[in-house]
């Protein structure tokens, strides 16, 4: 059963989960703020804009920058260790770009992202986060099935 669910083994997922848990715990213990990536753009804009919408993140913008850079670095390390240094995907670059825009808009409308709600919110038994994660999953499952039914490929 485990081999069918995890054909590449379970260790990399377990290590990744431990690192995500450790990272969110360090951020929470160090700042008192729940970790999440959806405020990265607004907090980064606080470096160059005086608008109050962005300035509210001044106190947390440095760790948010490190947090987001760490997500990218983690993916690069994974590619280096498990894919021979090449970042492999069959998805067309324009689809990655459009998908990134849609995810960004969705995280702002949904008042947070899967890392904030899914890891930290569910872990702290937040009802809002539990509803959010269930909504994310249901919409993702329905969308994936609709896309597959239309025969869309990467």
C-alpha atoms as a PDB file:
ATOM      1  CA  UNK A   1       0.000   0.000   0.000  1.00  0.00           C
ATOM      2  CA  UNK A   2       2.767   2.465   0.936  1.00  0.00           C
ATOM      3  CA  UNK A   3       4.614   1.765  -2.328  1.00  0.00           C
ATOM      4  CA  UNK A   4       1.544   2.707  -4.369  1.00  0.00           C
ATOM      5  CA  UNK A   5       1.006   5.941  -2.484  1.00  0.00           C
ATOM      6  CA  UNK A   6       4.714   6.839  -2.366  1.00  0.00           C
ATOM      7  CA  UNK A   7       6.463   5.230  -5.360  1.00  0.00           C
ATOM      8  CA  UNK A   8       9.651   7.234  -4.684  1.00  0.00           C
ATOM      9  CA  UNK A   9       9.734   6.326  -1.001  1.00  0.00           C
ATOM     10  CA  UNK A  10       8.406   8.147   2.028  1.00  0.00           C
ATOM     11  CA  UNK A  11      11.633   9.589   3.453  1.00  0.00           C
ATOM     12  CA  UNK A  12      11.772  12.774   1.353  1.00  0.00           C
ATOM     13  CA  UNK A  13       8.176  13.605   2.250  1.00  0.00           C
ATOM     14  CA  UNK A  14       8.815  12.957   5.941  1.00  0.00           C
ATOM     15  CA  UNK A  15      11.964  15.094   5.892  1.00  0.00           C
ATOM     16  CA  UNK A  16      10.143  17.852   4.009  1.00  0.00           C
ATOM     17  CA  UNK A  17       7.278  17.777   6.495  1.00  0.00           C
ATOM     18  CA  UNK A  18       9.670  17.984   9.417  1.00  0.00           C
ATOM     19  CA  UNK A  19      11.482  20.941   7.854  1.00  0.00           C
ATOM     20  CA  UNK A  20       8.202  22.756   7.137  1.00  0.00           C
ATOM     21  CA  UNK A  21       7.052  22.157  10.714  1.00  0.00           C
ATOM     22  CA  UNK A  22      10.383  23.309  12.117  1.00  0.00           C
ATOM     23  CA  UNK A  23      10.378  26.430   9.928  1.00  0.00           C
ATOM     24  CA  UNK A  24       6.864  27.461  10.917  1.00  0.00           C
ATOM     25  CA  UNK A  25       7.612  26.810  14.592  1.00  0.00           C
ATOM     26  CA  UNK A  26      10.762  28.952  14.429  1.00  0.00           C
ATOM     27  CA  UNK A  27       8.863  31.796  12.739  1.00  0.00           C
ATOM     28  CA  UNK A  28       6.025  31.638  15.276  1.00  0.00           C
ATOM     29  CA  UNK A  29       8.305  31.389  18.289  1.00  0.00           C
ATOM     30  CA  UNK A  30      10.541  34.172  16.993  1.00  0.00           C
ATOM     31  CA  UNK A  31       7.871  36.615  15.850  1.00  0.00           C
ATOM     32  CA  UNK A  32       4.501  35.500  17.217  1.00  0.00           C
ATOM     33  CA  UNK A  33       3.192  35.648  13.639  1.00  0.00           C
ATOM     34  CA  UNK A  34       1.761  32.679  11.753  1.00  0.00           C
ATOM     35  CA  UNK A  35       3.941  31.796   8.761  1.00  0.00           C
ATOM     36  CA  UNK A  36       2.466  32.138   5.301  1.00  0.00           C
ATOM     37  CA  UNK A  37       3.587  33.228   1.859  1.00  0.00           C
ATOM     38  CA  UNK A  38       0.568  35.199   0.640  1.00  0.00           C
ATOM     39  CA  UNK A  39       1.753  38.525   2.080  1.00  0.00           C
ATOM     40  CA  UNK A  40       5.177  38.352   0.417  1.00  0.00           C
ATOM     41  CA  UNK A  41       4.389  40.867  -2.351  1.00  0.00           C
ATOM     42  CA  UNK A  42       2.800  43.423  -0.043  1.00  0.00           C
ATOM     43  CA  UNK A  43       5.548  43.133   2.538  1.00  0.00           C
ATOM     44  CA  UNK A  44       8.225  43.472  -0.155  1.00  0.00           C
ATOM     45  CA  UNK A  45       6.510  46.556  -1.567  1.00  0.00           C
ATOM     46  CA  UNK A  46       6.871  48.137   1.891  1.00  0.00           C
ATOM     47  CA  UNK A  47      10.554  48.671   1.029  1.00  0.00           C
ATOM     48  CA  UNK A  48       9.656  51.068  -1.803  1.00  0.00           C
ATOM     49  CA  UNK A  49       6.175  52.420  -1.019  1.00  0.00           C
ATOM     50  CA  UNK A  50       4.929  54.645   1.783  1.00  0.00           C
ATOM     51  CA  UNK A  51       1.300  53.494   1.427  1.00  0.00           C
ATOM     52  CA  UNK A  52      -0.169  52.278   4.715  1.00  0.00           C
ATOM     53  CA  UNK A  53      -1.383  49.075   3.048  1.00  0.00           C
ATOM     54  CA  UNK A  54       2.239  48.050   2.572  1.00  0.00           C
ATOM     55  CA  UNK A  55       3.756  49.740   5.603  1.00  0.00           C
ATOM     56  CA  UNK A  56       1.764  47.554   7.999  1.00  0.00           C
ATOM     57  CA  UNK A  57       4.238  44.780   7.113  1.00  0.00           C
ATOM     58  CA  UNK A  58       7.402  46.768   7.932  1.00  0.00           C
ATOM     59  CA  UNK A  59       8.034  44.853  11.136  1.00  0.00           C
ATOM     60  CA  UNK A  60       7.801  41.467   9.452  1.00  0.00           C
ATOM     61  CA  UNK A  61       9.044  42.123   5.938  1.00  0.00           C
ATOM     62  CA  UNK A  62      12.584  40.879   6.501  1.00  0.00           C
ATOM     63  CA  UNK A  63      11.618  37.409   7.694  1.00  0.00           C
ATOM     64  CA  UNK A  64       8.923  37.201   5.008  1.00  0.00           C
ATOM     65  CA  UNK A  65      11.608  37.852   2.394  1.00  0.00           C
ATOM     66  CA  UNK A  66      13.812  35.137   3.909  1.00  0.00           C
ATOM     67  CA  UNK A  67      10.789  32.795   4.145  1.00  0.00           C
ATOM     68  CA  UNK A  68       9.966  33.168   0.453  1.00  0.00           C
ATOM     69  CA  UNK A  69      13.610  32.904  -0.605  1.00  0.00           C
ATOM     70  CA  UNK A  70      13.832  29.704   1.452  1.00  0.00           C
ATOM     71  CA  UNK A  71      10.871  28.209  -0.406  1.00  0.00           C
ATOM     72  CA  UNK A  72      12.661  28.843  -3.703  1.00  0.00           C
ATOM     73  CA  UNK A  73      15.998  27.618  -2.328  1.00  0.00           C
ATOM     74  CA  UNK A  74      14.346  24.447  -1.010  1.00  0.00           C
ATOM     75  CA  UNK A  75      12.967  23.688  -4.461  1.00  0.00           C
ATOM     76  CA  UNK A  76      16.401  24.331  -5.980  1.00  0.00           C
ATOM     77  CA  UNK A  77      18.072  21.988  -3.474  1.00  0.00           C
ATOM     78  CA  UNK A  78      15.473  19.319  -4.259  1.00  0.00           C
ATOM     79  CA  UNK A  79      16.141  19.711  -7.983  1.00  0.00           C
ATOM     80  CA  UNK A  80      19.875  19.479  -7.365  1.00  0.00           C
ATOM     81  CA  UNK A  81      19.669  16.374  -5.163  1.00  0.00           C
ATOM     82  CA  UNK A  82      16.879  14.421  -6.843  1.00  0.00           C
ATOM     83  CA  UNK A  83      16.734  15.709 -10.433  1.00  0.00           C
ATOM     84  CA  UNK A  84      20.395  16.172 -11.259  1.00  0.00           C
ATOM     85  CA  UNK A  85      20.300  19.957 -10.959  1.00  0.00           C
ATOM     86  CA  UNK A  86      17.598  20.413 -13.555  1.00  0.00           C
ATOM     87  CA  UNK A  87      14.223  21.861 -12.668  1.00  0.00           C
ATOM     88  CA  UNK A  88      11.925  19.520 -14.573  1.00  0.00           C
ATOM     89  CA  UNK A  89       8.371  20.267 -15.622  1.00  0.00           C
ATOM     90  CA  UNK A  90       6.293  19.552 -18.666  1.00  0.00           C
ATOM     91  CA  UNK A  91       4.103  22.582 -18.009  1.00  0.00           C
ATOM     92  CA  UNK A  92       4.404  25.386 -20.552  1.00  0.00           C
ATOM     93  CA  UNK A  93       6.000  28.564 -19.117  1.00  0.00           C
ATOM     94  CA  UNK A  94       2.940  30.692 -19.927  1.00  0.00           C
ATOM     95  CA  UNK A  95       0.753  28.297 -17.928  1.00  0.00           C
ATOM     96  CA  UNK A  96       3.103  28.540 -14.952  1.00  0.00           C
ATOM     97  CA  UNK A  97       2.902  32.337 -15.175  1.00  0.00           C
ATOM     98  CA  UNK A  98      -0.902  32.455 -15.465  1.00  0.00           C
ATOM     99  CA  UNK A  99      -1.233  29.867 -12.698  1.00  0.00           C
ATOM    100  CA  UNK A 100       1.018  31.934 -10.446  1.00  0.00           C
ATOM    101  CA  UNK A 101      -1.096  35.039 -11.048  1.00  0.00           C
ATOM    102  CA  UNK A 102      -4.317  33.121 -10.293  1.00  0.00           C
ATOM    103  CA  UNK A 103      -2.840  31.617  -7.130  1.00  0.00           C
ATOM    104  CA  UNK A 104      -1.669  35.051  -5.991  1.00  0.00           C
ATOM    105  CA  UNK A 105      -5.085  36.604  -6.538  1.00  0.00           C
ATOM    106  CA  UNK A 106      -6.767  33.637  -4.865  1.00  0.00           C
ATOM    107  CA  UNK A 107      -4.600  33.868  -1.771  1.00  0.00           C
ATOM    108  CA  UNK A 108      -5.493  37.516  -1.295  1.00  0.00           C
ATOM    109  CA  UNK A 109      -9.208  36.865  -1.817  1.00  0.00           C
ATOM    110  CA  UNK A 110      -9.034  33.827   0.487  1.00  0.00           C
ATOM    111  CA  UNK A 111      -7.199  35.849   3.158  1.00  0.00           C
ATOM    112  CA  UNK A 112      -4.207  33.538   3.123  1.00  0.00           C
ATOM    113  CA  UNK A 113      -2.426  30.694   1.411  1.00  0.00           C
ATOM    114  CA  UNK A 114      -2.153  26.967   1.874  1.00  0.00           C
ATOM    115  CA  UNK A 115       1.043  27.341   3.878  1.00  0.00           C
ATOM    116  CA  UNK A 116      -0.557  29.738   6.325  1.00  0.00           C
ATOM    117  CA  UNK A 117      -3.953  28.068   6.569  1.00  0.00           C
ATOM    118  CA  UNK A 118      -2.916  24.495   5.867  1.00  0.00           C
ATOM    119  CA  UNK A 119       0.166  24.197   8.023  1.00  0.00           C
ATOM    120  CA  UNK A 120      -0.259  26.792  10.752  1.00  0.00           C
ATOM    121  CA  UNK A 121      -4.020  27.359  10.824  1.00  0.00           C
ATOM    122  CA  UNK A 122      -5.006  23.698  10.864  1.00  0.00           C
ATOM    123  CA  UNK A 123      -2.232  23.005  13.352  1.00  0.00           C
ATOM    124  CA  UNK A 124      -3.732  25.590  15.699  1.00  0.00           C
ATOM    125  CA  UNK A 125      -7.282  24.261  15.065  1.00  0.00           C
ATOM    126  CA  UNK A 126      -8.506  27.517  13.538  1.00  0.00           C
ATOM    127  CA  UNK A 127     -12.056  27.034  12.232  1.00  0.00           C
ATOM    128  CA  UNK A 128     -11.434  29.597   9.495  1.00  0.00           C
ATOM    129  CA  UNK A 129      -8.349  27.713   8.339  1.00  0.00           C
ATOM    130  CA  UNK A 130     -10.112  24.336   8.482  1.00  0.00           C
ATOM    131  CA  UNK A 131     -12.898  25.682   6.251  1.00  0.00           C
ATOM    132  CA  UNK A 132     -10.316  27.321   3.985  1.00  0.00           C
ATOM    133  CA  UNK A 133      -8.283  24.124   3.555  1.00  0.00           C
ATOM    134  CA  UNK A 134     -11.382  22.039   2.828  1.00  0.00           C
ATOM    135  CA  UNK A 135     -12.419  24.669   0.263  1.00  0.00           C
ATOM    136  CA  UNK A 136      -8.937  24.667  -1.330  1.00  0.00           C
ATOM    137  CA  UNK A 137      -8.991  20.880  -1.618  1.00  0.00           C
ATOM    138  CA  UNK A 138     -12.530  20.603  -2.982  1.00  0.00           C
ATOM    139  CA  UNK A 139     -11.929  23.319  -5.595  1.00  0.00           C
ATOM    140  CA  UNK A 140      -8.579  21.780  -6.581  1.00  0.00           C
ATOM    141  CA  UNK A 141     -10.065  18.299  -6.961  1.00  0.00           C
ATOM    142  CA  UNK A 142     -12.997  19.584  -9.025  1.00  0.00           C
ATOM    143  CA  UNK A 143     -10.729  21.755 -11.194  1.00  0.00           C
ATOM    144  CA  UNK A 144      -8.261  18.908 -11.799  1.00  0.00           C
ATOM    145  CA  UNK A 145     -11.072  16.582 -12.829  1.00  0.00           C
ATOM    146  CA  UNK A 146     -12.630  19.142 -15.174  1.00  0.00           C
ATOM    147  CA  UNK A 147      -9.261  19.868 -16.782  1.00  0.00           C
ATOM    148  CA  UNK A 148      -8.560  16.115 -17.153  1.00  0.00           C
ATOM    149  CA  UNK A 149     -12.034  15.540 -18.638  1.00  0.00           C
ATOM    150  CA  UNK A 150     -11.279  18.097 -21.341  1.00  0.00           C
ATOM    151  CA  UNK A 151      -7.994  16.323 -22.089  1.00  0.00           C
ATOM    152  CA  UNK A 152      -5.822  19.316 -21.256  1.00  0.00           C
ATOM    153  CA  UNK A 153      -2.169  18.350 -20.943  1.00  0.00           C
ATOM    154  CA  UNK A 154       0.800  20.370 -19.723  1.00  0.00           C
END
